[in-house]
Amino acid sequence: MSPKRRHLATRSALSAATVAALMAAGTLAAVPAAEASAPQAAAAQHTGTSTTFVIPPYVSTYRAGTGSTRVTVTRSPSVSPAITITCNVIASNPFRFYGGPFPYPSGIEGLAHVSCDNVVNSIDLLVVLFRGTTALSSNERVTYSTLTAAADTEYVYSSGSYRTGAIAAVAFPDGTSGTSDPAYSAVTTIL
């Protein structure tokens, strides 16, 4: 046993039961479970010390301690607490733009955006511009490790009633994914 590990194994703040429990959960790498299974006689001479801490979301390693006693806890995906993440998809009303670049010097544009209340692995956003019930143009954009995403689509100007539609697929940090219901803007008449 290395001197550092022997020192860690004999500290009262890191009792054998605590170290063994952390090792069993796969969150402590400082002391092997075999070395932590039996308390040392010197540990009984120290008064007990405890520290309570919370590992913040998206922090993989946390160091805590009191006095000269330190412990490093590493988050394991299998024991990380589940969190609820809510994402909102918004399709904005289409509008006419002027003086745009090729291919449409004047046109109709539809915008959509997604906002989540916590970081997600990816957002795949599809935006579609409709005139009546006919899809005129669409655009898809994937954004990684983000809270938000946006996409736009354009079509050459022609008077009519337009609507923007959007749908998003989100990959969450726990490996699951979900697809939103379609979101639609109000029907907008552009003359």
N, C-alpha and C. Protein backbone atom coordinates (compact mmCIF):
# COMPACT_ATOMS: atom_id res chain seq x y z
N MET A 1 0.85 -1.17 0.00
CA MET A 1 0.00 0.00 0.00
C MET A 1 0.90 1.23 0.00
N SER A 2 0.59 2.20 -0.85
CA SER A 2 1.40 3.41 -0.92
C SER A 2 1.18 4.24 0.34
N PRO A 3 2.15 5.10 0.71
CA PRO A 3 1.97 5.93 1.91
C PRO A 3 0.74 6.82 1.80
N LYS A 4 0.48 7.36 0.62
CA LYS A 4 -0.68 8.24 0.45
C LYS A 4 -1.97 7.45 0.68
N ARG A 5 -2.06 6.24 0.13
CA ARG A 5 -3.27 5.44 0.31
C ARG A 5 -3.41 4.97 1.76
N ARG A 6 -2.28 4.64 2.40
CA ARG A 6 -2.34 4.24 3.81
C ARG A 6 -2.86 5.41 4.63
N HIS A 7 -2.37 6.63 4.33
CA HIS A 7 -2.81 7.82 5.04
C HIS A 7 -4.31 8.03 4.84
N LEU A 8 -4.80 7.89 3.61
CA LEU A 8 -6.23 8.07 3.34
C LEU A 8 -7.06 7.01 4.05
N ALA A 9 -6.57 5.78 4.10
CA ALA A 9 -7.33 4.69 4.70
C ALA A 9 -7.45 4.85 6.21
N THR A 10 -6.52 5.59 6.84
CA THR A 10 -6.55 5.70 8.29
C THR A 10 -7.25 6.96 8.78
N ARG A 11 -7.70 7.83 7.92
CA ARG A 11 -8.37 9.06 8.36
C ARG A 11 -9.79 8.76 8.79
N SER A 12 -10.23 9.36 9.90
CA SER A 12 -11.58 9.10 10.40
C SER A 12 -12.66 9.62 9.45
N ALA A 13 -12.38 10.69 8.73
CA ALA A 13 -13.39 11.24 7.81
C ALA A 13 -13.64 10.29 6.65
N LEU A 14 -12.68 9.41 6.40
CA LEU A 14 -12.85 8.43 5.34
C LEU A 14 -12.88 7.04 5.96
N SER A 15 -13.89 6.82 6.77
CA SER A 15 -13.98 5.52 7.44
C SER A 15 -14.10 4.41 6.42
N ALA A 16 -13.78 3.22 6.84
CA ALA A 16 -13.79 2.07 5.93
C ALA A 16 -15.16 1.89 5.29
N ALA A 17 -16.22 2.09 6.06
CA ALA A 17 -17.57 1.91 5.51
C ALA A 17 -17.86 2.94 4.42
N THR A 18 -17.45 4.18 4.65
CA THR A 18 -17.69 5.23 3.66
C THR A 18 -16.92 4.95 2.39
N VAL A 19 -15.66 4.59 2.53
CA VAL A 19 -14.83 4.30 1.37
C VAL A 19 -15.39 3.11 0.61
N ALA A 20 -15.78 2.05 1.33
CA ALA A 20 -16.32 0.86 0.68
C ALA A 20 -17.62 1.20 -0.05
N ALA A 21 -18.47 2.03 0.57
CA ALA A 21 -19.74 2.41 -0.08
C ALA A 21 -19.48 3.22 -1.34
N LEU A 22 -18.53 4.14 -1.26
CA LEU A 22 -18.21 4.94 -2.44
C LEU A 22 -17.60 4.08 -3.54
N MET A 23 -16.77 3.13 -3.14
CA MET A 23 -16.17 2.24 -4.14
C MET A 23 -17.25 1.37 -4.79
N ALA A 24 -18.19 0.87 -3.99
CA ALA A 24 -19.25 0.02 -4.53
C ALA A 24 -20.11 0.80 -5.52
N ALA A 25 -20.29 2.10 -5.26
CA ALA A 25 -21.08 2.93 -6.17
C ALA A 25 -20.28 3.35 -7.39
N GLY A 26 -18.99 3.06 -7.37
CA GLY A 26 -18.15 3.41 -8.52
C GLY A 26 -17.80 4.88 -8.57
N THR A 27 -17.86 5.56 -7.40
CA THR A 27 -17.62 7.00 -7.42
C THR A 27 -16.32 7.43 -6.79
N LEU A 28 -15.59 6.54 -6.15
CA LEU A 28 -14.34 6.92 -5.51
C LEU A 28 -13.21 6.08 -6.07
N ALA A 29 -12.17 6.74 -6.53
CA ALA A 29 -11.05 6.02 -7.12
C ALA A 29 -9.78 6.16 -6.30
N ALA A 30 -9.83 6.85 -5.16
CA ALA A 30 -8.61 7.12 -4.41
C ALA A 30 -8.11 5.91 -3.63
N VAL A 31 -9.00 5.05 -3.13
CA VAL A 31 -8.59 3.93 -2.29
C VAL A 31 -9.28 2.67 -2.79
N PRO A 32 -8.52 1.61 -3.12
CA PRO A 32 -9.15 0.35 -3.53
C PRO A 32 -10.01 -0.22 -2.41
N ALA A 33 -11.09 -0.88 -2.75
CA ALA A 33 -12.02 -1.41 -1.75
C ALA A 33 -11.33 -2.39 -0.81
N ALA A 34 -10.40 -3.20 -1.29
CA ALA A 34 -9.72 -4.18 -0.44
C ALA A 34 -8.93 -3.49 0.67
N GLU A 35 -8.36 -2.34 0.36
CA GLU A 35 -7.58 -1.62 1.36
C GLU A 35 -8.47 -0.85 2.32
N ALA A 36 -9.72 -0.63 1.97
CA ALA A 36 -10.61 0.15 2.81
C ALA A 36 -11.53 -0.72 3.65
N SER A 37 -11.48 -2.02 3.49
CA SER A 37 -12.46 -2.89 4.13
C SER A 37 -12.28 -2.98 5.65
N ALA A 38 -11.09 -2.87 6.16
CA ALA A 38 -10.88 -2.98 7.61
C ALA A 38 -10.34 -1.66 8.15
N PRO A 39 -10.99 -1.07 9.16
CA PRO A 39 -10.49 0.18 9.71
C PRO A 39 -9.17 -0.06 10.45
N GLN A 40 -8.32 0.93 10.42
CA GLN A 40 -7.04 0.87 11.12
C GLN A 40 -7.26 1.27 12.58
N ALA A 41 -6.42 0.78 13.47
CA ALA A 41 -6.54 1.09 14.89
C ALA A 41 -6.39 2.59 15.13
N ALA A 42 -5.54 3.25 14.36
CA ALA A 42 -5.33 4.69 14.55
C ALA A 42 -6.58 5.49 14.23
N ALA A 43 -7.46 4.96 13.40
CA ALA A 43 -8.67 5.69 13.02
C ALA A 43 -9.60 5.88 14.22
N ALA A 44 -9.61 4.95 15.14
CA ALA A 44 -10.49 5.04 16.31
C ALA A 44 -10.08 6.17 17.24
N GLN A 45 -8.83 6.63 17.16
CA GLN A 45 -8.34 7.68 18.05
C GLN A 45 -8.77 9.07 17.60
N HIS A 46 -9.24 9.23 16.37
CA HIS A 46 -9.63 10.54 15.86
C HIS A 46 -11.12 10.75 16.03
N THR A 47 -11.50 12.01 16.22
CA THR A 47 -12.93 12.30 16.29
C THR A 47 -13.51 12.29 14.88
N GLY A 48 -14.75 11.89 14.77
CA GLY A 48 -15.40 11.80 13.46
C GLY A 48 -15.66 13.18 12.86
N THR A 49 -15.51 13.27 11.57
CA THR A 49 -15.77 14.50 10.84
C THR A 49 -16.62 14.14 9.63
N SER A 50 -17.60 14.97 9.33
CA SER A 50 -18.37 14.70 8.11
C SER A 50 -18.54 15.99 7.33
N THR A 51 -18.63 15.85 6.04
CA THR A 51 -18.86 16.97 5.14
C THR A 51 -19.97 16.57 4.19
N THR A 52 -20.95 17.42 4.06
CA THR A 52 -22.03 17.18 3.11
C THR A 52 -21.80 18.07 1.91
N PHE A 53 -21.97 17.52 0.73
CA PHE A 53 -21.79 18.32 -0.48
C PHE A 53 -22.71 17.80 -1.56
N VAL A 54 -22.94 18.63 -2.55
CA VAL A 54 -23.74 18.26 -3.72
C VAL A 54 -22.86 18.43 -4.94
N ILE A 55 -22.83 17.42 -5.78
CA ILE A 55 -22.08 17.54 -7.03
C ILE A 55 -22.95 18.30 -8.00
N PRO A 56 -22.52 19.49 -8.43
CA PRO A 56 -23.33 20.28 -9.36
C PRO A 56 -23.54 19.54 -10.68
N PRO A 57 -24.65 19.84 -11.37
CA PRO A 57 -24.87 19.21 -12.68
C PRO A 57 -23.71 19.48 -13.62
N TYR A 58 -23.35 18.50 -14.40
CA TYR A 58 -22.31 18.59 -15.43
C TYR A 58 -20.91 18.78 -14.86
N VAL A 59 -20.73 18.53 -13.57
CA VAL A 59 -19.39 18.50 -12.98
C VAL A 59 -19.06 17.03 -12.80
N SER A 60 -17.96 16.59 -13.39
CA SER A 60 -17.65 15.17 -13.34
C SER A 60 -16.81 14.79 -12.13
N THR A 61 -16.01 15.71 -11.60
CA THR A 61 -15.17 15.41 -10.44
C THR A 61 -15.36 16.50 -9.40
N TYR A 62 -15.54 16.10 -8.15
CA TYR A 62 -15.74 17.05 -7.07
C TYR A 62 -14.77 16.72 -5.95
N ARG A 63 -14.11 17.74 -5.42
CA ARG A 63 -13.17 17.54 -4.32
C ARG A 63 -13.74 18.23 -3.09
N ALA A 64 -13.75 17.52 -1.98
CA ALA A 64 -14.26 18.08 -0.73
C ALA A 64 -13.36 17.66 0.40
N GLY A 65 -13.46 18.36 1.51
CA GLY A 65 -12.68 17.97 2.66
C GLY A 65 -12.78 18.97 3.78
N THR A 66 -12.27 18.56 4.93
CA THR A 66 -12.18 19.44 6.08
C THR A 66 -10.78 19.32 6.62
N GLY A 67 -10.19 20.43 6.98
CA GLY A 67 -8.82 20.39 7.48
C GLY A 67 -7.88 19.81 6.45
N SER A 68 -7.11 18.81 6.86
CA SER A 68 -6.17 18.18 5.94
C SER A 68 -6.77 16.97 5.23
N THR A 69 -8.02 16.63 5.54
CA THR A 69 -8.67 15.47 4.93
C THR A 69 -9.35 15.90 3.64
N ARG A 70 -9.09 15.19 2.58
CA ARG A 70 -9.69 15.50 1.27
C ARG A 70 -10.22 14.22 0.65
N VAL A 71 -11.30 14.33 -0.08
CA VAL A 71 -11.84 13.21 -0.83
C VAL A 71 -12.20 13.72 -2.23
N THR A 72 -11.97 12.89 -3.22
CA THR A 72 -12.35 13.21 -4.58
C THR A 72 -13.43 12.23 -5.01
N VAL A 73 -14.56 12.77 -5.44
CA VAL A 73 -15.68 11.95 -5.89
C VAL A 73 -15.86 12.19 -7.37
N THR A 74 -15.94 11.11 -8.13
CA THR A 74 -16.13 11.21 -9.57
C THR A 74 -17.51 10.70 -9.91
N ARG A 75 -18.26 11.51 -10.64
CA ARG A 75 -19.63 11.16 -11.02
C ARG A 75 -19.60 9.99 -12.00
N SER A 76 -20.46 9.04 -11.75
CA SER A 76 -20.62 7.90 -12.64
C SER A 76 -21.97 8.02 -13.32
N PRO A 77 -22.04 7.86 -14.65
CA PRO A 77 -23.33 8.00 -15.32
C PRO A 77 -24.40 7.07 -14.77
N SER A 78 -24.00 5.91 -14.27
CA SER A 78 -25.00 4.95 -13.78
C SER A 78 -25.61 5.37 -12.45
N VAL A 79 -24.96 6.27 -11.71
CA VAL A 79 -25.51 6.69 -10.43
C VAL A 79 -25.83 8.18 -10.39
N SER A 80 -25.68 8.89 -11.50
CA SER A 80 -25.99 10.31 -11.53
C SER A 80 -27.49 10.50 -11.36
N PRO A 81 -27.88 11.54 -10.64
CA PRO A 81 -29.31 11.76 -10.45
C PRO A 81 -29.95 12.18 -11.77
N ALA A 82 -31.16 11.69 -11.98
CA ALA A 82 -31.90 12.07 -13.19
C ALA A 82 -32.40 13.50 -13.02
N ILE A 83 -32.38 14.25 -14.09
CA ILE A 83 -32.89 15.61 -14.07
C ILE A 83 -33.94 15.74 -15.15
N THR A 84 -34.87 16.64 -14.96
CA THR A 84 -35.90 16.89 -15.95
C THR A 84 -35.46 18.06 -16.81
N ILE A 85 -35.50 17.87 -18.11
CA ILE A 85 -35.14 18.94 -19.04
C ILE A 85 -36.36 19.21 -19.91
N THR A 86 -36.75 20.47 -19.97
CA THR A 86 -37.89 20.88 -20.78
C THR A 86 -37.39 21.72 -21.94
N CYS A 87 -37.84 21.40 -23.15
CA CYS A 87 -37.48 22.16 -24.34
C CYS A 87 -38.75 22.70 -24.99
N ASN A 88 -38.69 23.94 -25.47
CA ASN A 88 -39.82 24.57 -26.14
C ASN A 88 -39.45 24.87 -27.58
N VAL A 89 -40.36 24.55 -28.51
CA VAL A 89 -40.17 24.82 -29.93
C VAL A 89 -41.13 25.94 -30.31
N ILE A 90 -40.60 26.98 -30.95
CA ILE A 90 -41.42 28.11 -31.37
C ILE A 90 -41.21 28.36 -32.85
N ALA A 91 -42.31 28.44 -33.58
CA ALA A 91 -42.28 28.81 -35.00
C ALA A 91 -42.79 30.24 -35.09
N SER A 92 -41.95 31.15 -35.57
CA SER A 92 -42.31 32.57 -35.65
C SER A 92 -43.14 32.84 -36.90
N ASN A 93 -43.93 33.91 -36.84
CA ASN A 93 -44.73 34.29 -38.00
C ASN A 93 -43.81 34.62 -39.17
N PRO A 94 -44.15 34.17 -40.38
CA PRO A 94 -43.33 34.49 -41.55
C PRO A 94 -43.38 36.00 -41.82
N PHE A 95 -42.33 36.50 -42.48
CA PHE A 95 -42.29 37.93 -42.79
C PHE A 95 -41.60 38.12 -44.14
N ARG A 96 -41.83 39.30 -44.71
CA ARG A 96 -41.20 39.63 -45.98
C ARG A 96 -39.89 40.33 -45.69
N PHE A 97 -38.85 39.97 -46.44
CA PHE A 97 -37.57 40.66 -46.32
C PHE A 97 -37.23 41.29 -47.66
N TYR A 98 -36.41 42.33 -47.62
CA TYR A 98 -36.02 43.08 -48.82
C TYR A 98 -34.51 43.11 -48.93
N GLY A 99 -34.02 43.12 -50.16
CA GLY A 99 -32.59 43.31 -50.40
C GLY A 99 -31.72 42.18 -49.91
N GLY A 100 -32.23 40.98 -49.92
CA GLY A 100 -31.44 39.83 -49.48
C GLY A 100 -30.48 39.38 -50.56
N PRO A 101 -29.57 38.50 -50.23
CA PRO A 101 -28.61 37.99 -51.20
C PRO A 101 -29.27 37.00 -52.16
N PHE A 102 -28.55 36.64 -53.21
CA PHE A 102 -29.01 35.62 -54.14
C PHE A 102 -29.36 34.37 -53.34
N PRO A 103 -30.36 33.64 -53.59
CA PRO A 103 -31.18 33.64 -54.80
C PRO A 103 -32.42 34.51 -54.71
N TYR A 104 -32.73 35.09 -53.55
CA TYR A 104 -33.97 35.86 -53.41
C TYR A 104 -33.67 37.28 -52.97
N PRO A 105 -33.67 38.26 -53.88
CA PRO A 105 -33.43 39.65 -53.47
C PRO A 105 -34.58 40.18 -52.63
N SER A 106 -35.73 39.57 -52.72
CA SER A 106 -36.88 39.89 -51.89
C SER A 106 -37.62 38.58 -51.69
N GLY A 107 -38.02 38.31 -50.48
CA GLY A 107 -38.65 37.02 -50.26
C GLY A 107 -39.43 36.94 -48.97
N ILE A 108 -39.86 35.75 -48.66
CA ILE A 108 -40.59 35.44 -47.44
C ILE A 108 -39.69 34.52 -46.61
N GLU A 109 -39.61 34.81 -45.32
CA GLU A 109 -38.74 34.02 -44.44
C GLU A 109 -39.53 33.49 -43.26
N GLY A 110 -39.25 32.26 -42.89
CA GLY A 110 -39.81 31.64 -41.70
C GLY A 110 -38.69 31.26 -40.75
N LEU A 111 -38.86 31.57 -39.48
CA LEU A 111 -37.85 31.27 -38.45
C LEU A 111 -38.44 30.34 -37.40
N ALA A 112 -37.58 29.52 -36.83
CA ALA A 112 -37.98 28.67 -35.70
C ALA A 112 -36.82 28.59 -34.73
N HIS A 113 -37.13 28.43 -33.47
CA HIS A 113 -36.07 28.22 -32.49
C HIS A 113 -36.55 27.29 -31.37
N VAL A 114 -35.55 26.70 -30.72
CA VAL A 114 -35.78 25.78 -29.61
C VAL A 114 -34.97 26.30 -28.43
N SER A 115 -35.56 26.28 -27.25
CA SER A 115 -34.81 26.61 -26.05
C SER A 115 -35.09 25.53 -25.00
N CYS A 116 -34.01 25.06 -24.37
CA CYS A 116 -34.10 24.03 -23.33
C CYS A 116 -33.63 24.65 -22.02
N ASP A 117 -34.15 24.15 -20.90
CA ASP A 117 -33.76 24.72 -19.62
C ASP A 117 -32.51 24.08 -19.01
N ASN A 118 -31.86 23.20 -19.78
CA ASN A 118 -30.58 22.63 -19.38
C ASN A 118 -29.86 22.18 -20.64
N VAL A 119 -28.57 22.03 -20.57
CA VAL A 119 -27.79 21.66 -21.74
C VAL A 119 -28.19 20.26 -22.21
N VAL A 120 -28.35 20.11 -23.52
CA VAL A 120 -28.66 18.81 -24.13
C VAL A 120 -27.53 18.44 -25.08
N ASN A 121 -27.45 17.16 -25.44
CA ASN A 121 -26.38 16.72 -26.35
C ASN A 121 -26.54 17.31 -27.73
N SER A 122 -27.76 17.31 -28.26
CA SER A 122 -27.97 17.90 -29.59
C SER A 122 -29.44 18.25 -29.78
N ILE A 123 -29.65 19.22 -30.68
CA ILE A 123 -30.99 19.60 -31.11
C ILE A 123 -30.97 19.58 -32.63
N ASP A 124 -31.86 18.79 -33.21
CA ASP A 124 -32.03 18.71 -34.66
C ASP A 124 -33.34 19.42 -34.97
N LEU A 125 -33.27 20.60 -35.57
CA LEU A 125 -34.44 21.45 -35.80
C LEU A 125 -34.76 21.53 -37.28
N LEU A 126 -36.01 21.24 -37.63
CA LEU A 126 -36.49 21.35 -39.01
C LEU A 126 -37.52 22.46 -39.06
N VAL A 127 -37.34 23.42 -39.97
CA VAL A 127 -38.30 24.51 -40.16
C VAL A 127 -38.82 24.44 -41.59
N VAL A 128 -40.13 24.65 -41.76
CA VAL A 128 -40.78 24.56 -43.07
C VAL A 128 -41.63 25.81 -43.27
N LEU A 129 -41.56 26.39 -44.47
CA LEU A 129 -42.39 27.54 -44.84
C LEU A 129 -43.52 27.04 -45.74
N PHE A 130 -44.76 27.34 -45.34
CA PHE A 130 -45.95 26.93 -46.10
C PHE A 130 -46.63 28.15 -46.70
N ARG A 131 -47.18 28.01 -47.91
CA ARG A 131 -48.14 28.97 -48.46
C ARG A 131 -49.42 28.16 -48.61
N GLY A 132 -50.44 28.54 -47.85
CA GLY A 132 -51.64 27.70 -47.77
C GLY A 132 -51.24 26.38 -47.12
N THR A 133 -51.47 25.27 -47.83
CA THR A 133 -51.08 23.96 -47.30
C THR A 133 -49.89 23.38 -48.04
N THR A 134 -49.29 24.18 -48.93
CA THR A 134 -48.16 23.71 -49.74
C THR A 134 -46.84 24.09 -49.07
N ALA A 135 -45.97 23.10 -48.87
CA ALA A 135 -44.64 23.36 -48.33
C ALA A 135 -43.78 23.94 -49.45
N LEU A 136 -43.25 25.16 -49.23
CA LEU A 136 -42.44 25.84 -50.24
C LEU A 136 -40.95 25.59 -50.07
N SER A 137 -40.49 25.65 -48.85
CA SER A 137 -39.05 25.47 -48.59
C SER A 137 -38.88 24.96 -47.17
N SER A 138 -37.71 24.37 -46.93
CA SER A 138 -37.41 23.86 -45.59
C SER A 138 -35.91 23.95 -45.35
N ASN A 139 -35.54 23.86 -44.09
CA ASN A 139 -34.14 23.87 -43.70
C ASN A 139 -34.01 23.08 -42.41
N GLU A 140 -32.94 22.33 -42.29
CA GLU A 140 -32.68 21.54 -41.09
C GLU A 140 -31.32 21.93 -40.55
N ARG A 141 -31.24 22.09 -39.23
CA ARG A 141 -29.98 22.46 -38.60
C ARG A 141 -29.80 21.65 -37.32
N VAL A 142 -28.60 21.10 -37.15
CA VAL A 142 -28.27 20.34 -35.94
C VAL A 142 -27.26 21.15 -35.14
N THR A 143 -27.54 21.34 -33.85
CA THR A 143 -26.65 22.06 -32.96
C THR A 143 -26.29 21.12 -31.81
N TYR A 144 -25.01 21.09 -31.44
CA TYR A 144 -24.52 20.15 -30.43
C TYR A 144 -24.19 20.84 -29.11
N SER A 145 -24.38 20.12 -28.01
CA SER A 145 -24.04 20.57 -26.66
C SER A 145 -24.52 22.00 -26.44
N THR A 146 -25.83 22.16 -26.34
CA THR A 146 -26.41 23.50 -26.37
C THR A 146 -27.66 23.61 -25.52
N LEU A 147 -28.06 24.84 -25.27
CA LEU A 147 -29.35 25.16 -24.66
C LEU A 147 -30.37 25.58 -25.71
N THR A 148 -29.87 26.12 -26.84
CA THR A 148 -30.76 26.69 -27.86
C THR A 148 -30.33 26.29 -29.26
N ALA A 149 -31.28 26.41 -30.18
CA ALA A 149 -31.00 26.19 -31.60
C ALA A 149 -31.98 27.04 -32.40
N ALA A 150 -31.56 27.43 -33.60
CA ALA A 150 -32.43 28.22 -34.47
C ALA A 150 -32.18 27.81 -35.91
N ALA A 151 -33.21 27.98 -36.73
CA ALA A 151 -33.10 27.70 -38.16
C ALA A 151 -34.07 28.60 -38.90
N ASP A 152 -33.73 28.91 -40.15
CA ASP A 152 -34.62 29.72 -40.97
C ASP A 152 -34.72 29.11 -42.36
N THR A 153 -35.76 29.50 -43.08
CA THR A 153 -35.93 29.08 -44.46
C THR A 153 -36.56 30.23 -45.23
N GLU A 154 -36.22 30.33 -46.50
CA GLU A 154 -36.67 31.45 -47.34
C GLU A 154 -37.28 30.93 -48.63
N TYR A 155 -38.13 31.79 -49.20
CA TYR A 155 -38.71 31.50 -50.51
C TYR A 155 -38.95 32.82 -51.23
N VAL A 156 -38.92 32.79 -52.54
CA VAL A 156 -39.11 33.99 -53.34
C VAL A 156 -40.46 34.63 -53.02
N TYR A 157 -40.49 35.97 -53.05
CA TYR A 157 -41.70 36.71 -52.69
C TYR A 157 -42.84 36.47 -53.67
N SER A 158 -44.01 36.28 -53.10
CA SER A 158 -45.26 36.23 -53.83
C SER A 158 -46.34 36.48 -52.79
N SER A 159 -47.31 37.34 -53.09
CA SER A 159 -48.34 37.63 -52.09
C SER A 159 -49.14 36.36 -51.79
N GLY A 160 -49.59 36.25 -50.55
CA GLY A 160 -50.35 35.07 -50.15
C GLY A 160 -50.40 34.91 -48.65
N SER A 161 -50.99 33.82 -48.20
CA SER A 161 -51.08 33.49 -46.77
C SER A 161 -50.02 32.44 -46.45
N TYR A 162 -49.16 32.78 -45.50
CA TYR A 162 -48.01 31.94 -45.16
C TYR A 162 -48.10 31.47 -43.72
N ARG A 163 -47.39 30.40 -43.46
CA ARG A 163 -47.30 29.84 -42.11
C ARG A 163 -45.95 29.16 -41.97
N THR A 164 -45.36 29.25 -40.78
CA THR A 164 -44.10 28.56 -40.48
C THR A 164 -44.41 27.35 -39.60
N GLY A 165 -43.78 26.23 -39.91
CA GLY A 165 -43.91 25.03 -39.08
C GLY A 165 -42.53 24.58 -38.63
N ALA A 166 -42.46 23.95 -37.47
CA ALA A 166 -41.17 23.48 -36.96
C ALA A 166 -41.37 22.22 -36.13
N ILE A 167 -40.34 21.39 -36.13
CA ILE A 167 -40.31 20.18 -35.30
C ILE A 167 -38.86 19.96 -34.88
N ALA A 168 -38.66 19.46 -33.66
CA ALA A 168 -37.29 19.27 -33.16
C ALA A 168 -37.13 17.88 -32.57
N ALA A 169 -35.95 17.31 -32.77
CA ALA A 169 -35.54 16.06 -32.12
C ALA A 169 -34.39 16.42 -31.19
N VAL A 170 -34.50 16.02 -29.92
CA VAL A 170 -33.51 16.39 -28.91
C VAL A 170 -32.87 15.12 -28.34
N ALA A 171 -31.52 15.11 -28.28
CA ALA A 171 -30.78 14.03 -27.62
C ALA A 171 -30.37 14.53 -26.24
N PHE A 172 -30.84 13.84 -25.20
CA PHE A 172 -30.61 14.27 -23.83
C PHE A 172 -29.32 13.66 -23.27
N PRO A 173 -28.77 14.26 -22.18
CA PRO A 173 -27.50 13.78 -21.62
C PRO A 173 -27.53 12.33 -21.14
N ASP A 174 -28.69 11.81 -20.76
CA ASP A 174 -28.75 10.43 -20.27
C ASP A 174 -28.83 9.40 -21.39
N GLY A 175 -28.73 9.85 -22.65
CA GLY A 175 -28.74 8.94 -23.78
C GLY A 175 -30.10 8.75 -24.42
N THR A 176 -31.14 9.28 -23.80
CA THR A 176 -32.47 9.17 -24.40
C THR A 176 -32.67 10.31 -25.40
N SER A 177 -33.72 10.20 -26.19
CA SER A 177 -34.03 11.28 -27.14
C SER A 177 -35.54 11.40 -27.25
N GLY A 178 -35.96 12.51 -27.80
CA GLY A 178 -37.39 12.74 -27.98
C GLY A 178 -37.62 13.67 -29.14
N THR A 179 -38.82 13.60 -29.71
CA THR A 179 -39.20 14.47 -30.82
C THR A 179 -40.41 15.28 -30.39
N SER A 180 -40.38 16.57 -30.69
CA SER A 180 -41.48 17.45 -30.30
C SER A 180 -42.69 17.23 -31.20
N ASP A 181 -43.82 17.71 -30.73
CA ASP A 181 -44.97 17.83 -31.60
C ASP A 181 -44.67 18.99 -32.55
N PRO A 182 -45.27 19.01 -33.73
CA PRO A 182 -45.04 20.14 -34.63
C PRO A 182 -45.56 21.44 -34.01
N ALA A 183 -44.82 22.51 -34.22
CA ALA A 183 -45.24 23.84 -33.78
C ALA A 183 -45.52 24.66 -35.03
N TYR A 184 -46.58 25.46 -34.99
CA TYR A 184 -46.95 26.27 -36.15
C TYR A 184 -47.15 27.71 -35.73
N SER A 185 -46.78 28.62 -36.61
CA SER A 185 -47.06 30.03 -36.39
C SER A 185 -48.51 30.30 -36.77
N ALA A 186 -48.93 31.52 -36.53
CA ALA A 186 -50.24 31.95 -37.02
C ALA A 186 -50.14 32.10 -38.54
N VAL A 187 -51.27 31.99 -39.21
CA VAL A 187 -51.30 32.24 -40.66
C VAL A 187 -51.14 33.74 -40.86
N THR A 188 -50.17 34.12 -41.69
CA THR A 188 -49.86 35.52 -41.93
C THR A 188 -50.07 35.84 -43.40
N THR A 189 -50.90 36.86 -43.67
CA THR A 189 -51.13 37.28 -45.05
C THR A 189 -50.10 38.35 -45.40
N ILE A 190 -49.36 38.10 -46.47
CA ILE A 190 -48.33 39.04 -46.92
C ILE A 190 -48.73 39.51 -48.31
N LEU A 191 -48.91 40.83 -48.44
CA LEU A 191 -49.33 41.42 -49.72
C LEU A 191 -48.15 41.88 -50.54
